[in-house]
Amino acid sequence: MNGNPSSAAFTAAAAANAETYPPPPATSAREPGTIDPLSTMISDIGILGDASLHYGARLLVIRELLKSLCRHAPIGLQSAIADDLRAGTERILARTDERPLPDAFYHALLDEMNRYLEHL
């Protein structure tokens, strides 16, 4: 889903989410036609939560696919794949030199790379 609020996917997700998560009752009287910021925020949080779940599910499926491909790759290719994976990870880490990220990112990146290397 495109995170752009003007995209069709975002609009469709927002409409579906509105059916799943009805806005809370207003805490103060508002003029008709005004937007309740609390309701908008709660709706946005629900959309982001759903998007995160979908994204996480996709990543898990991709992880399993890649592990399977690594396991079944011909022996002659496994070494080259491992070398390319290490080089790609080094390129990612080099990009983060300019804008450091939290330690959790580095640990997750290296853990993920090592999972694939174990299957090669």
C-alpha atoms as a PDB file:
ATOM      1  CA  MET A   1       0.000   0.000   0.000  1.00  0.00           C
ATOM      2  CA  ASN A   2       1.272   3.403  -0.935  1.00  0.00           C
ATOM      3  CA  GLY A   3       1.614   5.608   2.184  1.00  0.00           C
ATOM      4  CA  ASN A   4       0.510   8.651   0.194  1.00  0.00           C
ATOM      5  CA  PRO A   5      -2.858   9.776   1.622  1.00  0.00           C
ATOM      6  CA  SER A   6      -4.030  10.764  -1.880  1.00  0.00           C
ATOM      7  CA  SER A   7      -3.373   7.307  -3.385  1.00  0.00           C
ATOM      8  CA  ALA A   8      -6.224   4.989  -4.280  1.00  0.00           C
ATOM      9  CA  ALA A   9      -4.793   2.189  -2.107  1.00  0.00           C
ATOM     10  CA  PHE A  10      -4.622   4.456   0.927  1.00  0.00           C
ATOM     11  CA  THR A  11      -8.180   5.653   0.328  1.00  0.00           C
ATOM     12  CA  ALA A  12      -9.448   2.067  -0.035  1.00  0.00           C
ATOM     13  CA  ALA A  13      -7.633   0.993   3.134  1.00  0.00           C
ATOM     14  CA  ALA A  14      -9.018   3.979   4.997  1.00  0.00           C
ATOM     15  CA  ALA A  15     -12.558   3.125   3.874  1.00  0.00           C
ATOM     16  CA  ALA A  16     -12.154  -0.533   4.890  1.00  0.00           C
ATOM     17  CA  ASN A  17     -10.599   0.503   8.179  1.00  0.00           C
ATOM     18  CA  ALA A  18     -13.455   2.889   8.923  1.00  0.00           C
ATOM     19  CA  GLU A  19     -15.827  -0.075   8.761  1.00  0.00           C
ATOM     20  CA  THR A  20     -13.603  -2.124  11.083  1.00  0.00           C
ATOM     21  CA  TYR A  21     -12.772   0.645  13.545  1.00  0.00           C
ATOM     22  CA  PRO A  22     -15.677   3.042  13.955  1.00  0.00           C
ATOM     23  CA  PRO A  23     -14.639   6.444  15.244  1.00  0.00           C
ATOM     24  CA  PRO A  24     -15.028   6.980  18.986  1.00  0.00           C
ATOM     25  CA  PRO A  25     -17.769   9.261  20.217  1.00  0.00           C
ATOM     26  CA  ALA A  26     -16.815  12.906  20.162  1.00  0.00           C
ATOM     27  CA  THR A  27     -15.614  14.206  23.510  1.00  0.00           C
ATOM     28  CA  SER A  28     -16.843  17.712  22.882  1.00  0.00           C
ATOM     29  CA  ALA A  29     -19.584  19.327  20.874  1.00  0.00           C
ATOM     30  CA  ARG A  30     -18.436  20.215  17.366  1.00  0.00           C
ATOM     31  CA  GLU A  31     -20.083  22.098  14.602  1.00  0.00           C
ATOM     32  CA  PRO A  32     -21.501  19.856  11.890  1.00  0.00           C
ATOM     33  CA  GLY A  33     -18.995  19.307   9.112  1.00  0.00           C
ATOM     34  CA  THR A  34     -15.880  19.804  11.272  1.00  0.00           C
ATOM     35  CA  ILE A  35     -13.257  17.099  11.564  1.00  0.00           C
ATOM     36  CA  ASP A  36     -12.582  15.508  14.938  1.00  0.00           C
ATOM     37  CA  PRO A  37      -8.763  15.262  15.189  1.00  0.00           C
ATOM     38  CA  LEU A  38      -8.949  12.444  17.749  1.00  0.00           C
ATOM     39  CA  SER A  39     -11.120  10.322  15.454  1.00  0.00           C
ATOM     40  CA  THR A  40      -8.809  11.012  12.545  1.00  0.00           C
ATOM     41  CA  MET A  41      -5.744  10.045  14.583  1.00  0.00           C
ATOM     42  CA  ILE A  42      -7.334   6.799  15.798  1.00  0.00           C
ATOM     43  CA  SER A  43      -8.365   5.909  12.259  1.00  0.00           C
ATOM     44  CA  ASP A  44      -4.834   6.611  10.973  1.00  0.00           C
ATOM     45  CA  ILE A  45      -3.315   4.426  13.701  1.00  0.00           C
ATOM     46  CA  GLY A  46      -5.609   1.546  12.699  1.00  0.00           C
ATOM     47  CA  ILE A  47      -4.615   1.891   9.044  1.00  0.00           C
ATOM     48  CA  LEU A  48      -0.924   1.938   9.901  1.00  0.00           C
ATOM     49  CA  GLY A  49      -1.340  -1.073  12.189  1.00  0.00           C
ATOM     50  CA  ASP A  50      -3.055  -3.058   9.434  1.00  0.00           C
ATOM     51  CA  ALA A  51      -0.403  -2.011   6.924  1.00  0.00           C
ATOM     52  CA  SER A  52       2.342  -3.119   9.320  1.00  0.00           C
ATOM     53  CA  LEU A  53       0.705  -6.526   9.729  1.00  0.00           C
ATOM     54  CA  HIS A  54       0.419  -6.994   5.971  1.00  0.00           C
ATOM     55  CA  TYR A  55       4.002  -5.858   5.452  1.00  0.00           C
ATOM     56  CA  GLY A  56       5.254  -8.195   8.177  1.00  0.00           C
ATOM     57  CA  ALA A  57       3.363 -11.129   6.667  1.00  0.00           C
ATOM     58  CA  ARG A  58       4.878 -10.424   3.249  1.00  0.00           C
ATOM     59  CA  LEU A  59       8.359 -10.255   4.725  1.00  0.00           C
ATOM     60  CA  LEU A  60       7.903 -13.597   6.466  1.00  0.00           C
ATOM     61  CA  VAL A  61       6.776 -15.243   3.229  1.00  0.00           C
ATOM     62  CA  ILE A  62       9.729 -13.725   1.366  1.00  0.00           C
ATOM     63  CA  ARG A  63      12.057 -14.962   4.120  1.00  0.00           C
ATOM     64  CA  GLU A  64      10.757 -18.513   3.783  1.00  0.00           C
ATOM     65  CA  LEU A  65      11.036 -18.356  -0.006  1.00  0.00           C
ATOM     66  CA  LEU A  66      14.621 -17.152   0.168  1.00  0.00           C
ATOM     67  CA  LYS A  67      15.581 -19.774   2.739  1.00  0.00           C
ATOM     68  CA  SER A  68      14.149 -22.454   0.482  1.00  0.00           C
ATOM     69  CA  LEU A  69      15.986 -21.084  -2.554  1.00  0.00           C
ATOM     70  CA  CYS A  70      19.229 -21.008  -0.575  1.00  0.00           C
ATOM     71  CA  ARG A  71      18.788 -24.604   0.560  1.00  0.00           C
ATOM     72  CA  HIS A  72      18.069 -25.889  -2.929  1.00  0.00           C
ATOM     73  CA  ALA A  73      20.593 -23.787  -4.848  1.00  0.00           C
ATOM     74  CA  PRO A  74      23.218 -25.850  -6.653  1.00  0.00           C
ATOM     75  CA  ILE A  75      26.354 -26.339  -4.559  1.00  0.00           C
ATOM     76  CA  GLY A  76      28.414 -24.448  -7.141  1.00  0.00           C
ATOM     77  CA  LEU A  77      26.237 -21.342  -6.742  1.00  0.00           C
ATOM     78  CA  GLN A  78      25.932 -21.319  -2.964  1.00  0.00           C
ATOM     79  CA  SER A  79      29.386 -19.827  -2.406  1.00  0.00           C
ATOM     80  CA  ALA A  80      28.782 -17.058  -4.970  1.00  0.00           C
ATOM     81  CA  ILE A  81      25.370 -16.311  -3.443  1.00  0.00           C
ATOM     82  CA  ALA A  82      26.917 -16.075   0.028  1.00  0.00           C
ATOM     83  CA  ASP A  83      29.621 -13.719  -1.270  1.00  0.00           C
ATOM     84  CA  ASP A  84      27.007 -11.516  -2.975  1.00  0.00           C
ATOM     85  CA  LEU A  85      24.894 -11.470   0.194  1.00  0.00           C
ATOM     86  CA  ARG A  86      27.873 -10.358   2.278  1.00  0.00           C
ATOM     87  CA  ALA A  87      28.805  -7.684  -0.283  1.00  0.00           C
ATOM     88  CA  GLY A  88      25.229  -6.401  -0.425  1.00  0.00           C
ATOM     89  CA  THR A  89      25.074  -6.210   3.354  1.00  0.00           C
ATOM     90  CA  GLU A  90      28.350  -4.260   3.377  1.00  0.00           C
ATOM     91  CA  ARG A  91      26.861  -1.789   0.859  1.00  0.00           C
ATOM     92  CA  ILE A  92      23.828  -1.306   3.116  1.00  0.00           C
ATOM     93  CA  LEU A  93      26.052  -0.745   6.144  1.00  0.00           C
ATOM     94  CA  ALA A  94      28.196   1.739   4.205  1.00  0.00           C
ATOM     95  CA  ARG A  95      25.085   3.804   3.430  1.00  0.00           C
ATOM     96  CA  THR A  96      24.227   3.974   7.114  1.00  0.00           C
ATOM     97  CA  ASP A  97      27.614   5.578   7.892  1.00  0.00           C
ATOM     98  CA  GLU A  98      26.176   8.914   6.769  1.00  0.00           C
ATOM     99  CA  ARG A  99      23.005   8.607   8.813  1.00  0.00           C
ATOM    100  CA  PRO A 100      23.427   6.227  11.753  1.00  0.00           C
ATOM    101  CA  LEU A 101      20.454   4.083  12.681  1.00  0.00           C
ATOM    102  CA  PRO A 102      19.514   2.522  16.037  1.00  0.00           C
ATOM    103  CA  ASP A 103      21.506  -0.505  17.160  1.00  0.00           C
ATOM    104  CA  ALA A 104      18.390  -2.642  16.748  1.00  0.00           C
ATOM    105  CA  PHE A 105      18.591  -2.074  12.973  1.00  0.00           C
ATOM    106  CA  TYR A 106      22.165  -3.330  12.768  1.00  0.00           C
ATOM    107  CA  HIS A 107      21.394  -6.373  14.906  1.00  0.00           C
ATOM    108  CA  ALA A 108      18.321  -7.224  12.821  1.00  0.00           C
ATOM    109  CA  LEU A 109      20.228  -6.780   9.552  1.00  0.00           C
ATOM    110  CA  LEU A 110      23.109  -8.989  10.604  1.00  0.00           C
ATOM    111  CA  ASP A 111      20.803 -11.604  12.163  1.00  0.00           C
ATOM    112  CA  GLU A 112      18.814 -11.786   8.931  1.00  0.00           C
ATOM    113  CA  MET A 113      21.955 -12.108   6.803  1.00  0.00           C
ATOM    114  CA  ASN A 114      23.282 -14.856   9.070  1.00  0.00           C
ATOM    115  CA  ARG A 115      20.002 -16.787   8.789  1.00  0.00           C
ATOM    116  CA  TYR A 116      20.450 -16.989   5.026  1.00  0.00           C
ATOM    117  CA  LEU A 117      24.137 -17.800   5.260  1.00  0.00           C
ATOM    118  CA  GLU A 118      23.259 -20.758   7.497  1.00  0.00           C
ATOM    119  CA  HIS A 119      21.139 -22.178   4.674  1.00  0.00           C
ATOM    120  CA  LEU A 120      23.858 -21.806   2.051  1.00  0.00           C
END
